[in-house]
Structure formats: structure tokens, C-alpha cells
Amino acid sequence: MNALEYYLTDQIKQAALTERLDDLDVMVLGKKQNNGGLIQRINVLEKAVYGDNHYELTTVTLPEKTVFKISLNEDISSKINRVGDPVHFTVEEDVLVDNVLVLPRGAQGSGVVTKVTRPKFFGRSGFVDISFDQVFSIDEEAIPTVLGPEAKEKLKMQAAAIGASAIGALALGPIGLVGGLFVKGKDVEMPAGTELYIQTREDVVTKGMEMKPGAPLDVDITIAPVVSKTIDDTEKDIKEDNSSVDEPKNNIVKDVKNDSMEETSTSDDDTASVVIVRNE
């Protein structure tokens, strides 16, 4: 299902399986399928889209220090966040190994806030310390991640390329390169959508998706796709072994692309704060 959705839309939605499947039905067939269970409906779509090809899980080694872009799913702020708060993020670019897609754009990851300090008197800065722990592969395997030296260098290069003012006064000084990412201000404010770079912590043997010749599983394609106002939601525990790969799109669809909390003074007179995003 993941592979099919990514192939057609270039993303994997964070929504219920039935809702995602309904959308693909309309996109490919013009209306929702009424007959058959979820697996059978997916097979009908695969046969219509892939024709004489199919996606296959392939074992690969995702190397240590593979750097990729992510974006925060929620706001992070030294005013409201506390130690232990979960942090969620989205992968913003495909990560491939020899043309095998391991982390598709839209894959999810998680971390945790490990330390928070509010600004103090005499210009002493506050910070938020975040550990970016893992991202989930196309095979739903947890891949250990970290904000390591290579990712920090990528952030530094991005800051130099577009200008600090364009990314909210981003500052990557000598301390920043050791400790993490610094954003100056009265308080740490990192809105949802803020883009960062992280990297894999170690070599990981995992599975990715690769396009292979040969038709997908044969199904009875005489099933008539018709509009349905209700969906059979009883089949919910289906293993989604399919995912996605960066291949040319089939012409069947057109125009579809779319550490505890440290607090001292919280006075508004404090002039500087620092957010440290690190995973050492």
C-alpha cells in the first residue's frame, strides 16, 4: 500500500488505511471499489498501475552517517516544552541505497526533549536539548539516528547558502558545532515545519523497495469498481509489506502530483536564548 501510494502521489499520508485506499481508488479507477477486502482492492490497483512490473522488498545495508533532511511535526519552545516531551518529525527527501528506496519522503521519526532551560539574568541563554532517536523505514523497522557532525556540517552549509536572517537568525558558531544547532532569540521558538538534518547512527541491514519485472499477484480483475458510501473497516490488521521507490510514473494518472527542567528568571527583559538540538 505504501509503495502504491508513493508511486502515484510522491508521498505517504498519515491517515487511516481505508481513507488512503479510497483516495487511490478514485484516482486510478474513477470511483471506489465496493467488492472485496482491503488486500484484494490493493491488488486490483497494483495490477492497473504497475501492469507487468511489481515492487519487491530487497535487503540492503543503509550506511552509517547517511545524512537526510527532516522537518518538525510540532512546535518546540522553551516556554512550553518539558523534559521527556516526545518530538516527532517527517523525512523530507527520499533516502535510497543503490536505487532501493529505504526511507521515502513522508516517513516518520521520533525523539525526545532531554533538557530545557529558560533564559537567565545577565544575558545568559536558555536552550532546548533534543535527542533525535529513530526513523521508521519502508519496512517499518526503527533506524537509529543522531544529529551528528555530518548533519551539523550540512546545516552550516545551508545557513551560509541562504543567509542566517532567512532561517530565523540561525547561528552555527564554534560552540554550536560542538553542541548542536543554535537559534538566538528571547526564547527558543522552532515552529512545526522547521527543517533540520540528521543522520544514521550506524550501519543497518534493512529492507527497501525496488521495482522488478513481472506482474504483481494475479487477482480477479472482473470486480466492478463502484461508488460506495460505506467501507468495510473490519480488516484493519493488515501487514503493509509494500512501499515506494523513485521510478518514472505510470501514465495512468495525469496531473496527480501533487535532565530535569531548569528554570531561573523568566523575565521579559532577558535578551537572548539558545536552542541546542543535539544527540551526542
Protein backbone atom coordinates (compact mmCIF):
# COMPACT_ATOMS: atom_id res chain seq x y z
CA MET A 1 0.00 0.00 0.00
CA ASN A 2 2.81 2.41 0.90
CA ALA A 3 4.57 1.70 -2.39
CA LEU A 4 1.43 2.23 -4.43
CA GLU A 5 0.54 5.49 -2.70
CA TYR A 6 4.05 6.84 -3.04
CA TYR A 7 4.27 5.82 -6.70
CA LEU A 8 1.13 7.80 -7.51
CA THR A 9 1.42 10.80 -5.18
CA ASP A 10 5.10 11.10 -4.18
CA GLN A 11 4.15 10.92 -0.52
CA ILE A 12 2.87 8.59 2.17
CA LYS A 13 -0.09 10.05 4.02
CA GLN A 14 -0.55 9.79 7.77
CA ALA A 15 -4.18 8.69 7.66
CA ALA A 16 -6.33 5.60 8.10
CA LEU A 17 -5.65 2.81 5.60
CA THR A 18 -9.25 2.78 4.34
CA GLU A 19 -9.19 6.53 3.72
CA ARG A 20 -5.92 6.29 1.79
CA LEU A 21 -7.23 3.36 -0.23
CA ASP A 22 -10.45 5.20 -1.09
CA ASP A 23 -8.42 8.12 -2.43
CA LEU A 24 -6.32 5.83 -4.63
CA ASP A 25 -9.43 4.07 -5.93
CA VAL A 26 -10.86 7.38 -7.11
CA MET A 27 -7.51 8.47 -8.55
CA VAL A 28 -6.90 5.29 -10.55
CA LEU A 29 -10.35 3.83 -11.21
CA GLY A 30 -12.51 6.94 -11.03
CA LYS A 31 -14.57 5.63 -8.12
CA LYS A 32 -14.31 3.49 -5.02
CA GLN A 33 -14.24 -0.28 -5.16
CA ASN A 34 -17.22 -1.81 -3.39
CA ASN A 35 -16.36 -5.50 -3.55
CA GLY A 36 -13.52 -7.41 -1.97
CA GLY A 37 -11.41 -6.91 1.13
CA LEU A 38 -8.57 -4.47 1.54
CA ILE A 39 -5.87 -6.80 0.21
CA GLN A 40 -7.91 -7.66 -2.86
CA ARG A 41 -8.63 -3.99 -3.53
CA ILE A 42 -4.92 -3.18 -3.29
CA ASN A 43 -4.10 -5.99 -5.70
CA VAL A 44 -6.61 -4.65 -8.24
CA LEU A 45 -4.96 -1.22 -8.04
CA GLU A 46 -1.46 -2.70 -8.35
CA LYS A 47 -2.41 -4.61 -11.47
CA ALA A 48 -3.97 -1.50 -13.01
CA VAL A 49 -1.00 0.74 -12.20
CA TYR A 50 2.10 -1.46 -12.48
CA GLY A 51 0.99 -3.71 -15.32
CA ASP A 52 3.83 -6.16 -15.99
CA ASN A 53 6.00 -4.87 -13.15
CA HIS A 54 5.83 -5.01 -9.38
CA TYR A 55 7.59 -3.74 -6.28
CA GLU A 56 9.64 -6.13 -4.21
CA LEU A 57 11.28 -5.92 -0.79
CA THR A 58 15.08 -6.06 -1.13
CA THR A 59 17.60 -6.42 1.69
CA VAL A 60 20.19 -3.62 1.76
CA THR A 61 22.64 -2.03 4.18
CA LEU A 62 21.86 1.59 5.00
CA PRO A 63 25.29 3.08 5.79
CA GLU A 64 26.25 4.89 8.95
CA LYS A 65 26.36 8.70 8.64
CA THR A 66 23.76 8.85 5.88
CA VAL A 67 22.52 12.46 6.13
CA PHE A 68 18.96 13.43 5.22
CA LYS A 69 16.53 16.30 5.72
CA ILE A 70 13.67 16.25 8.21
CA SER A 71 11.01 18.69 9.40
CA LEU A 72 9.44 19.03 12.83
CA ASN A 73 5.83 17.90 13.16
CA GLU A 74 5.05 20.15 16.12
CA ASP A 75 6.20 23.43 17.63
CA ILE A 76 9.18 23.31 20.01
CA SER A 77 9.54 26.10 22.55
CA SER A 78 11.49 26.64 25.76
CA LYS A 79 8.36 28.29 27.16
CA ILE A 80 6.12 25.23 26.91
CA ASN A 81 8.24 22.12 26.43
CA ARG A 82 9.43 19.96 29.31
CA VAL A 83 11.97 17.19 29.71
CA GLY A 84 10.54 13.95 28.39
CA ASP A 85 8.23 15.55 25.83
CA PRO A 86 8.08 13.46 22.65
CA VAL A 87 9.30 15.01 19.40
CA HIS A 88 8.02 13.79 16.04
CA PHE A 89 9.43 14.56 12.62
CA THR A 90 8.92 13.80 8.94
CA VAL A 91 11.55 12.77 6.40
CA GLU A 92 11.62 15.42 3.64
CA GLU A 93 13.60 13.58 0.95
CA ASP A 94 13.96 10.05 -0.38
CA VAL A 95 16.83 8.01 1.02
CA LEU A 96 17.98 5.30 -1.41
CA VAL A 97 20.69 2.65 -1.44
CA ASP A 98 21.62 1.56 -4.98
CA ASN A 99 18.20 2.57 -6.33
CA VAL A 100 16.44 0.74 -3.49
CA LEU A 101 14.15 3.06 -1.54
CA VAL A 102 14.69 2.66 2.22
CA LEU A 103 13.27 5.91 3.63
CA PRO A 104 10.60 7.53 1.45
CA ARG A 105 9.71 11.18 1.74
CA GLY A 106 6.97 11.28 4.36
CA ALA A 107 8.45 8.56 6.59
CA GLN A 108 8.08 9.30 10.30
CA GLY A 109 10.61 9.52 13.10
CA SER A 110 10.69 10.31 16.80
CA GLY A 111 12.85 11.70 19.54
CA VAL A 112 12.56 13.30 22.96
CA VAL A 113 13.30 16.57 24.73
CA THR A 114 16.18 15.83 27.12
CA LYS A 115 16.78 19.24 28.70
CA VAL A 116 15.12 22.65 28.84
CA THR A 117 16.49 25.86 30.35
CA ARG A 118 14.80 29.25 30.31
CA PRO A 119 16.77 32.47 29.76
CA LYS A 120 18.55 33.78 32.84
CA PHE A 121 19.67 37.17 34.10
CA PHE A 122 22.71 38.93 32.66
CA GLY A 123 22.03 37.71 29.15
CA ARG A 124 22.57 34.05 29.89
CA SER A 125 20.84 31.99 27.24
CA GLY A 126 18.28 29.27 27.55
CA PHE A 127 18.11 26.20 25.37
CA VAL A 128 16.21 23.10 24.42
CA ASP A 129 18.15 19.87 24.05
CA ILE A 130 16.50 17.35 21.70
CA SER A 131 17.59 13.80 21.00
CA PHE A 132 16.55 12.59 17.53
CA ASP A 133 16.44 8.86 18.19
CA GLN A 134 14.93 6.92 15.30
CA VAL A 135 13.18 6.95 11.96
CA PHE A 136 11.00 4.18 10.56
CA SER A 137 11.94 2.52 7.28
CA ILE A 138 9.64 1.42 4.48
CA ASP A 139 9.54 -1.99 6.22
CA GLU A 140 8.56 -0.25 9.48
CA GLU A 141 11.92 -1.01 11.07
CA ALA A 142 13.36 1.50 13.54
CA ILE A 143 16.59 3.02 12.17
CA PRO A 144 18.78 4.66 14.88
CA THR A 145 19.51 8.32 14.12
CA VAL A 146 21.51 11.17 15.60
CA LEU A 147 22.28 14.84 14.99
CA GLY A 148 25.92 14.04 14.26
CA PRO A 149 28.89 16.00 12.84
CA GLU A 150 27.99 15.41 9.20
CA ALA A 151 24.42 16.60 9.75
CA LYS A 152 25.67 19.69 11.59
CA GLU A 153 28.01 20.50 8.72
CA LYS A 154 25.08 20.24 6.32
CA LEU A 155 23.15 22.69 8.48
CA LYS A 156 26.11 25.06 8.49
CA MET A 157 26.35 24.92 4.70
CA GLN A 158 22.64 25.61 4.36
CA ALA A 159 22.90 28.61 6.67
CA ALA A 160 25.78 30.01 4.64
CA ALA A 161 23.94 29.45 1.35
CA ILE A 162 20.65 31.16 2.20
CA GLY A 163 21.71 33.58 4.93
CA ALA A 164 21.08 33.41 8.65
CA SER A 165 18.31 36.00 8.53
CA ALA A 166 16.36 33.85 6.08
CA ILE A 167 16.17 30.97 8.53
CA GLY A 168 15.36 32.80 11.72
CA ALA A 169 18.81 34.06 12.73
CA LEU A 170 20.38 30.64 12.55
CA ALA A 171 23.81 30.68 14.16
CA LEU A 172 26.28 27.82 13.96
CA GLY A 173 29.31 29.10 15.79
CA PRO A 174 32.18 27.08 17.28
CA ILE A 175 30.09 26.10 20.29
CA GLY A 176 27.20 25.22 18.02
CA LEU A 177 29.32 22.82 16.03
CA VAL A 178 30.16 21.02 19.24
CA GLY A 179 26.81 21.19 20.98
CA GLY A 180 24.24 21.33 18.24
CA LEU A 181 22.01 23.84 16.49
CA PHE A 182 21.65 27.32 17.97
CA VAL A 183 18.84 29.74 17.23
CA LYS A 184 19.21 33.07 19.00
CA GLY A 185 16.25 34.92 20.46
CA LYS A 186 14.46 35.74 23.68
CA ASP A 187 13.17 32.22 23.85
CA VAL A 188 13.54 29.09 21.81
CA GLU A 189 10.84 29.05 19.14
CA MET A 190 11.04 26.32 16.50
CA PRO A 191 7.69 26.11 14.70
CA ALA A 192 6.31 22.98 13.10
CA GLY A 193 7.84 22.61 9.66
CA THR A 194 11.30 23.77 10.73
CA GLU A 195 13.80 21.85 8.59
CA LEU A 196 16.90 20.21 10.03
CA TYR A 197 19.33 17.49 9.05
CA ILE A 198 20.06 14.29 10.95
CA GLN A 199 22.00 11.15 10.09
CA THR A 200 22.00 7.41 10.67
CA ARG A 201 23.85 6.40 13.81
CA GLU A 202 25.22 3.10 12.50
CA ASP A 203 25.11 0.65 9.60
CA VAL A 204 21.70 -1.01 9.50
CA VAL A 205 20.68 -4.05 7.47
CA THR A 206 17.08 -3.40 6.48
CA LYS A 207 14.66 -3.77 3.60
CA GLY A 208 13.75 -1.33 0.87
CA MET A 209 11.50 -1.29 -2.17
CA GLU A 210 12.74 -1.97 -5.70
CA MET A 211 10.83 -2.21 -8.98
CA LYS A 212 11.10 -5.67 -10.55
CA PRO A 213 9.84 -7.10 -13.85
CA GLY A 214 6.81 -9.35 -13.77
CA ALA A 215 3.18 -8.73 -12.98
CA PRO A 216 2.02 -8.40 -9.37
CA LEU A 217 -0.12 -11.04 -7.74
CA ASP A 218 -2.91 -12.08 -10.10
CA VAL A 219 -6.43 -11.20 -8.96
CA ASP A 220 -9.89 -11.38 -10.42
CA ILE A 221 -10.00 -8.01 -12.16
CA THR A 222 -13.63 -8.51 -13.11
CA ILE A 223 -14.51 -6.99 -9.75
CA ALA A 224 -16.52 -3.91 -10.69
CA PRO A 225 -15.33 -0.70 -9.05
CA VAL A 226 -18.44 1.20 -7.97
CA VAL A 227 -19.14 4.11 -5.68
CA SER A 228 -19.66 3.06 -2.10
CA LYS A 229 -20.86 5.18 0.80
CA THR A 230 -19.55 2.74 3.39
CA ILE A 231 -16.21 0.98 3.80
CA ASP A 232 -15.60 -2.43 5.36
CA ASP A 233 -13.40 -1.49 8.30
CA THR A 234 -13.14 -4.98 9.75
CA GLU A 235 -9.80 -5.78 8.11
CA LYS A 236 -7.52 -3.42 9.98
CA ASP A 237 -4.53 -5.53 11.00
CA ILE A 238 -3.01 -6.00 7.57
CA LYS A 239 0.77 -6.09 7.22
CA GLU A 240 1.82 -3.47 4.69
CA ASP A 241 4.81 -5.07 3.01
CA ASN A 242 4.69 -2.69 0.03
CA SER A 243 6.26 0.75 -0.01
CA SER A 244 7.78 3.02 -2.60
CA VAL A 245 10.65 3.78 -4.95
CA ASP A 246 11.66 6.71 -7.06
CA GLU A 247 10.67 5.46 -10.54
CA PRO A 248 9.07 7.19 -13.54
CA LYS A 249 5.36 7.49 -13.02
CA ASN A 250 2.82 5.43 -14.99
CA ASN A 251 0.73 7.49 -17.37
CA ILE A 252 -2.44 6.03 -15.93
CA VAL A 253 -2.80 9.07 -13.70
CA LYS A 254 -2.39 12.56 -15.12
CA ASP A 255 -1.93 15.82 -13.27
CA VAL A 256 -1.78 13.99 -9.93
CA LYS A 257 1.22 15.43 -8.02
CA ASN A 258 0.63 16.96 -6.37
CA ASP A 259 17.97 16.45 32.76
CA SER A 260 15.27 17.90 34.66
CA MET A 261 13.67 21.17 33.83
CA GLU A 262 15.93 24.08 34.76
CA GLU A 263 14.20 27.41 35.27
CA THR A 264 15.56 30.62 36.70
CA SER A 265 14.24 34.05 35.77
CA THR A 266 11.56 34.20 33.08
CA SER A 267 11.70 37.96 32.86
CA ASP A 268 10.84 39.53 29.50
CA ASP A 269 13.96 41.66 29.94
CA ASP A 270 16.18 38.71 29.16
CA THR A 271 17.65 39.33 25.73
CA ALA A 272 18.96 36.06 24.37
CA SER A 273 18.09 32.41 24.24
CA VAL A 274 19.73 29.46 22.59
CA VAL A 275 18.22 26.23 21.42
CA ILE A 276 20.58 23.31 21.39
CA VAL A 277 19.40 20.40 19.31
CA ARG A 278 21.76 17.56 19.86
CA ASN A 279 22.08 13.83 20.20
CA GLU A 280 25.55 13.04 21.44
